[in-house]
C-alpha cells in the first residue's frame, strides 16, 4: 500500500474539455464519507463537523498504512 494523504481515491478524471486531471485524494474521500454520517447528527457547527470528519479520515489513513 502507498503511504500518504494524497494517494488519489479516483486516479484520473476526464474534464469536459478532454483534459485528464488527478482525482480527489483518498483522505478527502474518507472525510467526505465520514461527514455524511456526522451530518446526520443535526449539529449546526459545521466547522466542528468537518474537523471531526478529517480526524476520522486521518485515523483511517493511519490504519490503512499499517
PDB file of N, CA and C in Angstrom:
ATOM      1  N   UNK A   1       0.832  -1.185   0.000  1.00  0.00           N
ATOM      2  CA  UNK A   1       0.000   0.000   0.000  1.00  0.00           C
ATOM      3  C   UNK A   1       0.877   1.249   0.000  1.00  0.00           C
ATOM      4  N   UNK A   2       0.431   2.288  -0.662  1.00  0.00           N
ATOM      5  CA  UNK A   2       1.144   3.552  -0.678  1.00  0.00           C
ATOM      6  C   UNK A   2       0.788   4.360   0.549  1.00  0.00           C
ATOM      7  N   UNK A   3       1.794   5.020   1.103  1.00  0.00           N
ATOM      8  CA  UNK A   3       1.558   5.882   2.244  1.00  0.00           C
ATOM      9  C   UNK A   3       1.269   7.294   1.769  1.00  0.00           C
ATOM     10  N   UNK A   4       0.666   8.076   2.617  1.00  0.00           N
ATOM     11  CA  UNK A   4       0.459   9.482   2.331  1.00  0.00           C
ATOM     12  C   UNK A   4      -0.992   9.851   2.152  1.00  0.00           C
ATOM     13  N   UNK A   5      -1.283  11.093   2.463  1.00  0.00           N
ATOM     14  CA  UNK A   5      -2.652  11.580   2.411  1.00  0.00           C
ATOM     15  C   UNK A   5      -3.116  11.942   1.013  1.00  0.00           C
ATOM     16  N   UNK A   6      -2.227  11.937   0.045  1.00  0.00           N
ATOM     17  CA  UNK A   6      -2.600  12.435  -1.267  1.00  0.00           C
ATOM     18  C   UNK A   6      -2.669  11.343  -2.321  1.00  0.00           C
ATOM     19  N   UNK A   7      -2.694  10.098  -1.894  1.00  0.00           N
ATOM     20  CA  UNK A   7      -2.930   8.993  -2.808  1.00  0.00           C
ATOM     21  C   UNK A   7      -4.349   9.163  -3.349  1.00  0.00           C
ATOM     22  N   UNK A   8      -4.518   9.195  -4.660  1.00  0.00           N
ATOM     23  CA  UNK A   8      -5.851   9.500  -5.189  1.00  0.00           C
ATOM     24  C   UNK A   8      -6.866   8.386  -4.991  1.00  0.00           C
ATOM     25  N   UNK A   9      -8.074   8.779  -4.612  1.00  0.00           N
ATOM     26  CA  UNK A   9      -9.172   7.820  -4.491  1.00  0.00           C
ATOM     27  C   UNK A   9      -9.673   7.443  -5.878  1.00  0.00           C
ATOM     28  N   UNK A  10      -9.710   8.409  -6.754  1.00  0.00           N
ATOM     29  CA  UNK A  10     -10.137   8.224  -8.124  1.00  0.00           C
ATOM     30  C   UNK A  10      -8.998   8.759  -8.987  1.00  0.00           C
ATOM     31  N   UNK A  11      -8.110   7.909  -9.426  1.00  0.00           N
ATOM     32  CA  UNK A  11      -6.840   8.343 -10.010  1.00  0.00           C
ATOM     33  C   UNK A  11      -6.913   9.416 -11.088  1.00  0.00           C
ATOM     34  N   UNK A  12      -7.838   9.336 -11.998  1.00  0.00           N
ATOM     35  CA  UNK A  12      -7.923  10.372 -13.028  1.00  0.00           C
ATOM     36  C   UNK A  12      -9.373  10.614 -13.406  1.00  0.00           C
ATOM     37  N   UNK A  13      -9.637  11.830 -13.805  1.00  0.00           N
ATOM     38  CA  UNK A  13     -10.960  12.170 -14.327  1.00  0.00           C
ATOM     39  C   UNK A  13     -10.760  12.936 -15.623  1.00  0.00           C
ATOM     40  N   UNK A  14     -11.673  12.786 -16.520  1.00  0.00           N
ATOM     41  CA  UNK A  14     -11.606  13.497 -17.794  1.00  0.00           C
ATOM     42  C   UNK A  14     -12.576  14.673 -17.733  1.00  0.00           C
ATOM     43  N   UNK A  15     -12.073  15.861 -17.979  1.00  0.00           N
ATOM     44  CA  UNK A  15     -12.901  17.055 -17.923  1.00  0.00           C
ATOM     45  C   UNK A  15     -13.665  17.237 -19.228  1.00  0.00           C
ATOM     46  N   UNK A  16     -14.576  18.199 -19.224  1.00  0.00           N
ATOM     47  CA  UNK A  16     -15.395  18.458 -20.409  1.00  0.00           C
ATOM     48  C   UNK A  16     -14.544  18.861 -21.613  1.00  0.00           C
ATOM     49  N   UNK A  17     -13.394  19.483 -21.364  1.00  0.00           N
ATOM     50  CA  UNK A  17     -12.526  19.888 -22.475  1.00  0.00           C
ATOM     51  C   UNK A  17     -11.499  18.808 -22.819  1.00  0.00           C
ATOM     52  N   UNK A  18     -11.791  17.571 -22.438  1.00  0.00           N
ATOM     53  CA  UNK A  18     -10.986  16.386 -22.763  1.00  0.00           C
ATOM     54  C   UNK A  18      -9.592  16.375 -22.138  1.00  0.00           C
ATOM     55  N   UNK A  19      -9.411  17.118 -21.044  1.00  0.00           N
ATOM     56  CA  UNK A  19      -8.150  17.056 -20.315  1.00  0.00           C
ATOM     57  C   UNK A  19      -8.284  16.032 -19.187  1.00  0.00           C
ATOM     58  N   UNK A  20      -7.180  15.381 -18.875  1.00  0.00           N
ATOM     59  CA  UNK A  20      -7.154  14.427 -17.772  1.00  0.00           C
ATOM     60  C   UNK A  20      -6.591  15.133 -16.541  1.00  0.00           C
ATOM     61  N   UNK A  21      -7.268  15.010 -15.423  1.00  0.00           N
ATOM     62  CA  UNK A  21      -6.851  15.643 -14.172  1.00  0.00           C
ATOM     63  C   UNK A  21      -6.831  14.579 -13.083  1.00  0.00           C
ATOM     64  N   UNK A  22      -5.945  14.794 -12.095  1.00  0.00           N
ATOM     65  CA  UNK A  22      -5.900  13.878 -10.956  1.00  0.00           C
ATOM     66  C   UNK A  22      -7.169  14.045 -10.137  1.00  0.00           C
ATOM     67  N   UNK A  23      -7.694  12.954  -9.632  1.00  0.00           N
ATOM     68  CA  UNK A  23      -8.915  12.990  -8.835  1.00  0.00           C
ATOM     69  C   UNK A  23      -8.668  13.412  -7.402  1.00  0.00           C
ATOM     70  N   UNK A  24      -9.718  13.382  -6.587  1.00  0.00           N
ATOM     71  CA  UNK A  24      -9.582  13.782  -5.182  1.00  0.00           C
ATOM     72  C   UNK A  24      -8.711  12.785  -4.431  1.00  0.00           C
ATOM     73  N   UNK A  25      -8.138  13.247  -3.313  1.00  0.00           N
ATOM     74  CA  UNK A  25      -7.284  12.369  -2.521  1.00  0.00           C
ATOM     75  C   UNK A  25      -8.141  11.353  -1.766  1.00  0.00           C
ATOM     76  N   UNK A  26      -7.528  10.258  -1.411  1.00  0.00           N
ATOM     77  CA  UNK A  26      -8.220   9.239  -0.628  1.00  0.00           C
ATOM     78  C   UNK A  26      -8.636   9.805   0.725  1.00  0.00           C
ATOM     79  N   UNK A  27      -7.773  10.650   1.301  1.00  0.00           N
ATOM     80  CA  UNK A  27      -8.095  11.290   2.586  1.00  0.00           C
ATOM     81  C   UNK A  27      -9.366  12.127   2.456  1.00  0.00           C
ATOM     82  N   UNK A  28      -9.470  12.921   1.388  1.00  0.00           N
ATOM     83  CA  UNK A  28     -10.669  13.733   1.184  1.00  0.00           C
ATOM     84  C   UNK A  28     -11.902  12.854   0.991  1.00  0.00           C
ATOM     85  N   UNK A  29     -11.736  11.746   0.281  1.00  0.00           N
ATOM     86  CA  UNK A  29     -12.877  10.856   0.070  1.00  0.00           C
ATOM     87  C   UNK A  29     -13.327  10.249   1.400  1.00  0.00           C
ATOM     88  N   UNK A  30     -12.356   9.784   2.224  1.00  0.00           N
ATOM     89  CA  UNK A  30     -12.699   9.250   3.551  1.00  0.00           C
ATOM     90  C   UNK A  30     -13.416  10.314   4.382  1.00  0.00           C
ATOM     91  N   UNK A  31     -12.905  11.555   4.354  1.00  0.00           N
ATOM     92  CA  UNK A  31     -13.527  12.635   5.129  1.00  0.00           C
ATOM     93  C   UNK A  31     -14.948  12.897   4.650  1.00  0.00           C
ATOM     94  N   UNK A  32     -15.156  12.875   3.361  1.00  0.00           N
ATOM     95  CA  UNK A  32     -16.497  13.082   2.829  1.00  0.00           C
ATOM     96  C   UNK A  32     -17.465  11.994   3.268  1.00  0.00           C
ATOM     97  N   UNK A  33     -16.983  10.771   3.281  1.00  0.00           N
ATOM     98  CA  UNK A  33     -17.830   9.669   3.732  1.00  0.00           C
ATOM     99  C   UNK A  33     -18.153   9.809   5.215  1.00  0.00           C
ATOM    100  N   UNK A  34     -17.149  10.192   6.012  1.00  0.00           N
ATOM    101  CA  UNK A  34     -17.375  10.395   7.445  1.00  0.00           C
ATOM    102  C   UNK A  34     -18.333  11.565   7.672  1.00  0.00           C
ATOM    103  N   UNK A  35     -18.163  12.631   6.906  1.00  0.00           N
ATOM    104  CA  UNK A  35     -19.013  13.804   7.052  1.00  0.00           C
ATOM    105  C   UNK A  35     -20.466  13.473   6.757  1.00  0.00           C
ATOM    106  N   UNK A  36     -20.689  12.585   5.826  1.00  0.00           N
ATOM    107  CA  UNK A  36     -22.048  12.157   5.503  1.00  0.00           C
ATOM    108  C   UNK A  36     -22.738  11.586   6.743  1.00  0.00           C
ATOM    109  N   UNK A  37     -22.024  10.761   7.477  1.00  0.00           N
ATOM    110  CA  UNK A  37     -22.600  10.202   8.700  1.00  0.00           C
ATOM    111  C   UNK A  37     -22.707  11.231   9.816  1.00  0.00           C
ATOM    112  N   UNK A  38     -21.671  12.047   9.974  1.00  0.00           N
ATOM    113  CA  UNK A  38     -21.671  13.047  11.035  1.00  0.00           C
ATOM    114  C   UNK A  38     -22.776  14.081  10.845  1.00  0.00           C
ATOM    115  N   UNK A  39     -23.073  14.428   9.619  1.00  0.00           N
ATOM    116  CA  UNK A  39     -24.096  15.442   9.335  1.00  0.00           C
ATOM    117  C   UNK A  39     -25.475  14.988   9.807  1.00  0.00           C
ATOM    118  N   UNK A  40     -25.676  13.704   9.917  1.00  0.00           N
ATOM    119  CA  UNK A  40     -26.973  13.192  10.364  1.00  0.00           C
ATOM    120  C   UNK A  40     -27.227  13.489  11.841  1.00  0.00           C
ATOM    121  N   UNK A  41     -26.200  13.949  12.551  1.00  0.00           N
ATOM    122  CA  UNK A  41     -26.377  14.311  13.963  1.00  0.00           C
ATOM    123  C   UNK A  41     -27.221  15.558  14.130  1.00  0.00           C
ATOM    124  N   UNK A  42     -27.324  16.349  13.069  1.00  0.00           N
ATOM    125  CA  UNK A  42     -28.133  17.557  13.134  1.00  0.00           C
ATOM    126  C   UNK A  42     -27.432  18.738  13.783  1.00  0.00           C
ATOM    127  N   UNK A  43     -26.123  18.675  13.958  1.00  0.00           N
ATOM    128  CA  UNK A  43     -25.376  19.780  14.570  1.00  0.00           C
ATOM    129  C   UNK A  43     -25.303  20.957  13.607  1.00  0.00           C
ATOM    130  N   UNK A  44     -25.192  22.147  14.170  1.00  0.00           N
ATOM    131  CA  UNK A  44     -25.107  23.337  13.322  1.00  0.00           C
ATOM    132  C   UNK A  44     -23.683  23.900  13.246  1.00  0.00           C
ATOM    133  N   UNK A  45     -22.759  23.364  14.023  1.00  0.00           N
ATOM    134  CA  UNK A  45     -21.370  23.829  13.977  1.00  0.00           C
ATOM    135  C   UNK A  45     -20.641  23.036  12.899  1.00  0.00           C
ATOM    136  N   UNK A  46     -20.746  23.520  11.662  1.00  0.00           N
ATOM    137  CA  UNK A  46     -20.215  22.779  10.519  1.00  0.00           C
ATOM    138  C   UNK A  46     -18.697  22.668  10.560  1.00  0.00           C
ATOM    139  N   UNK A  47     -18.016  23.691  11.056  1.00  0.00           N
ATOM    140  CA  UNK A  47     -16.556  23.626  11.146  1.00  0.00           C
ATOM    141  C   UNK A  47     -16.131  22.481  12.064  1.00  0.00           C
ATOM    142  N   UNK A  48     -16.850  22.294  13.155  1.00  0.00           N
ATOM    143  CA  UNK A  48     -16.548  21.197  14.067  1.00  0.00           C
ATOM    144  C   UNK A  48     -16.810  19.848  13.392  1.00  0.00           C
ATOM    145  N   UNK A  49     -17.898  19.749  12.641  1.00  0.00           N
ATOM    146  CA  UNK A  49     -18.187  18.510  11.931  1.00  0.00           C
ATOM    147  C   UNK A  49     -17.089  18.184  10.924  1.00  0.00           C
ATOM    148  N   UNK A  50     -16.610  19.198  10.213  1.00  0.00           N
ATOM    149  CA  UNK A  50     -15.544  18.989   9.232  1.00  0.00           C
ATOM    150  C   UNK A  50     -14.263  18.548   9.923  1.00  0.00           C
ATOM    151  N   UNK A  51     -13.927  19.174  11.048  1.00  0.00           N
ATOM    152  CA  UNK A  51     -12.718  18.755  11.800  1.00  0.00           C
ATOM    153  C   UNK A  51     -12.836  17.299  12.231  1.00  0.00           C
ATOM    154  N   UNK A  52     -14.009  16.929  12.723  1.00  0.00           N
ATOM    155  CA  UNK A  52     -14.217  15.529  13.129  1.00  0.00           C
ATOM    156  C   UNK A  52     -14.096  14.593  11.930  1.00  0.00           C
ATOM    157  N   UNK A  53     -14.643  15.007  10.799  1.00  0.00           N
ATOM    158  CA  UNK A  53     -14.578  14.166   9.600  1.00  0.00           C
ATOM    159  C   UNK A  53     -13.123  13.933   9.191  1.00  0.00           C
ATOM    160  N   UNK A  54     -12.301  14.975   9.236  1.00  0.00           N
ATOM    161  CA  UNK A  54     -10.887  14.807   8.875  1.00  0.00           C
ATOM    162  C   UNK A  54     -10.120  14.036   9.955  1.00  0.00           C
ATOM    163  N   UNK A  55     -10.518  14.154  11.214  1.00  0.00           N
ATOM    164  CA  UNK A  55      -9.907  13.322  12.260  1.00  0.00           C
ATOM    165  C   UNK A  55     -10.176  11.847  11.974  1.00  0.00           C
ATOM    166  N   UNK A  56     -11.403  11.546  11.590  1.00  0.00           N
ATOM    167  CA  UNK A  56     -11.762  10.172  11.240  1.00  0.00           C
ATOM    168  C   UNK A  56     -10.976   9.730  10.008  1.00  0.00           C
ATOM    169  N   UNK A  57     -10.905  10.582   9.004  1.00  0.00           N
ATOM    170  CA  UNK A  57     -10.160  10.252   7.781  1.00  0.00           C
ATOM    171  C   UNK A  57      -8.693   9.998   8.091  1.00  0.00           C
ATOM    172  N   UNK A  58      -8.101  10.835   8.954  1.00  0.00           N
ATOM    173  CA  UNK A  58      -6.690  10.644   9.320  1.00  0.00           C
ATOM    174  C   UNK A  58      -6.488   9.311  10.040  1.00  0.00           C
ATOM    175  N   UNK A  59      -7.428   8.951  10.908  1.00  0.00           N
ATOM    176  CA  UNK A  59      -7.341   7.658  11.599  1.00  0.00           C
ATOM    177  C   UNK A  59      -7.457   6.507  10.604  1.00  0.00           C
ATOM    178  N   UNK A  60      -8.317   6.669   9.618  1.00  0.00           N
ATOM    179  CA  UNK A  60      -8.466   5.630   8.598  1.00  0.00           C
ATOM    180  C   UNK A  60      -7.201   5.503   7.763  1.00  0.00           C
ATOM    181  N   UNK A  61      -6.593   6.640   7.408  1.00  0.00           N
ATOM    182  CA  UNK A  61      -5.347   6.609   6.640  1.00  0.00           C
ATOM    183  C   UNK A  61      -4.240   5.937   7.441  1.00  0.00           C
ATOM    184  N   UNK A  62      -4.175   6.251   8.742  1.00  0.00           N
ATOM    185  CA  UNK A  62      -3.137   5.656   9.597  1.00  0.00           C
ATOM    186  C   UNK A  62      -3.332   4.154   9.685  1.00  0.00           C
ATOM    187  N   UNK A  63      -4.555   3.722   9.873  1.00  0.00           N
ATOM    188  CA  UNK A  63      -4.840   2.273   9.965  1.00  0.00           C
ATOM    189  C   UNK A  63      -4.536   1.589   8.636  1.00  0.00           C
ATOM    190  N   UNK A  64      -4.849   2.240   7.553  1.00  0.00           N
ATOM    191  CA  UNK A  64      -4.621   1.681   6.234  1.00  0.00           C
ATOM    192  C   UNK A  64      -3.133   1.467   5.944  1.00  0.00           C
ATOM    193  N   UNK A  65      -2.299   2.350   6.474  1.00  0.00           N
ATOM    194  CA  UNK A  65      -0.859   2.279   6.219  1.00  0.00           C
ATOM    195  C   UNK A  65      -0.138   1.246   7.065  1.00  0.00           C
ATOM    196  N   UNK A  66      -0.855   0.583   7.959  1.00  0.00           N
ATOM    197  CA  UNK A  66      -0.202  -0.441   8.809  1.00  0.00           C
ATOM    198  C   UNK A  66       0.184  -1.638   8.001  1.00  0.00           C
TER     199      UNK A  66
END
